[in-house]
Amino acid sequence: MEQKVLAIFENVLSRKVAFNDELIESYILDSITAVDIVLEVQAEFGCAIPPTDVASVLKTPATLAAWIEENA
């Protein structure tokens, strides 16, 4: 799961990130790229992140992986 999630971020952001990088707080992820990540997750895993949860789910690649494991 870790590698799949990191691959999604690398594809959307065109850069590598670490599994525990703070993406929003460090300004790596903005609202446009967040939407792109949400769409990639939906296409890859068949689950949609609720709009009210996007900021907390996309906090780090690790939080996204945990959310996918619980919701996919």
Protein backbone atom coordinates (compact mmCIF):
# COMPACT_ATOMS: atom_id res chain seq x y z
CA MET A 1 0.00 0.00 0.00
CA GLU A 2 2.80 2.41 0.89
CA GLN A 3 4.38 2.17 -2.56
CA LYS A 4 1.03 2.60 -4.36
CA VAL A 5 0.22 5.72 -2.36
CA LEU A 6 3.68 7.20 -2.86
CA ALA A 7 3.38 6.50 -6.60
CA ILE A 8 0.12 8.46 -6.74
CA PHE A 9 1.74 11.45 -5.03
CA GLU A 10 4.81 11.26 -7.26
CA ASN A 11 2.63 11.09 -10.37
CA VAL A 12 0.46 14.07 -9.39
CA LEU A 13 3.18 16.23 -7.81
CA SER A 14 5.99 15.30 -10.24
CA ARG A 15 8.29 14.84 -7.25
CA LYS A 16 9.02 12.24 -4.60
CA VAL A 17 7.65 12.59 -1.09
CA ALA A 18 8.34 10.57 2.04
CA PHE A 19 5.63 8.45 3.64
CA ASN A 20 5.39 10.76 6.68
CA ASP A 21 5.86 14.15 4.97
CA GLU A 22 3.41 16.82 6.15
CA LEU A 23 1.99 17.74 2.76
CA ILE A 24 -0.41 20.58 3.52
CA GLU A 25 1.54 22.24 6.34
CA SER A 26 4.72 22.27 4.24
CA TYR A 27 2.85 23.62 1.17
CA ILE A 28 3.71 20.58 -0.94
CA LEU A 29 0.00 20.01 -1.58
CA ASP A 30 -2.43 22.76 -2.58
CA SER A 31 -6.15 22.64 -3.34
CA ILE A 32 -5.70 21.82 -7.02
CA THR A 33 -3.28 18.96 -6.43
CA ALA A 34 -5.48 17.72 -3.57
CA VAL A 35 -8.35 17.32 -6.04
CA ASP A 36 -6.03 15.46 -8.40
CA ILE A 37 -4.98 13.10 -5.59
CA VAL A 38 -8.63 12.49 -4.64
CA LEU A 39 -9.46 11.61 -8.26
CA GLU A 40 -6.44 9.28 -8.54
CA VAL A 41 -7.44 7.50 -5.32
CA GLN A 42 -10.98 7.08 -6.59
CA ALA A 43 -9.76 5.68 -9.91
CA GLU A 44 -7.16 3.37 -8.35
CA PHE A 45 -9.03 2.09 -5.30
CA GLY A 46 -12.71 2.79 -6.05
CA CYS A 47 -13.34 4.87 -2.94
CA ALA A 48 -14.09 8.59 -2.72
CA ILE A 49 -12.69 10.75 0.05
CA PRO A 50 -15.52 12.88 1.46
CA PRO A 51 -14.89 16.62 0.90
CA THR A 52 -15.07 17.27 4.64
CA ASP A 53 -12.25 14.77 5.26
CA VAL A 54 -9.79 15.74 2.51
CA ALA A 55 -7.49 17.88 4.68
CA SER A 56 -7.15 15.25 7.40
CA VAL A 57 -6.87 12.29 5.02
CA LEU A 58 -4.24 13.98 2.85
CA LYS A 59 -2.18 15.25 5.78
CA THR A 60 0.57 12.73 4.94
CA PRO A 61 0.86 9.80 2.54
CA ALA A 62 0.66 7.58 5.64
CA THR A 63 -2.73 9.02 6.66
CA LEU A 64 -4.00 8.46 3.14
CA ALA A 65 -2.79 4.85 3.14
CA ALA A 66 -4.51 4.21 6.47
CA TRP A 67 -7.74 5.75 5.18
CA ILE A 68 -7.64 3.62 2.01
CA GLU A 69 -7.08 0.44 4.03
CA GLU A 70 -10.15 1.25 6.14
CA ASN A 71 -12.40 2.37 3.28
CA ALA A 72 -11.47 0.48 0.12
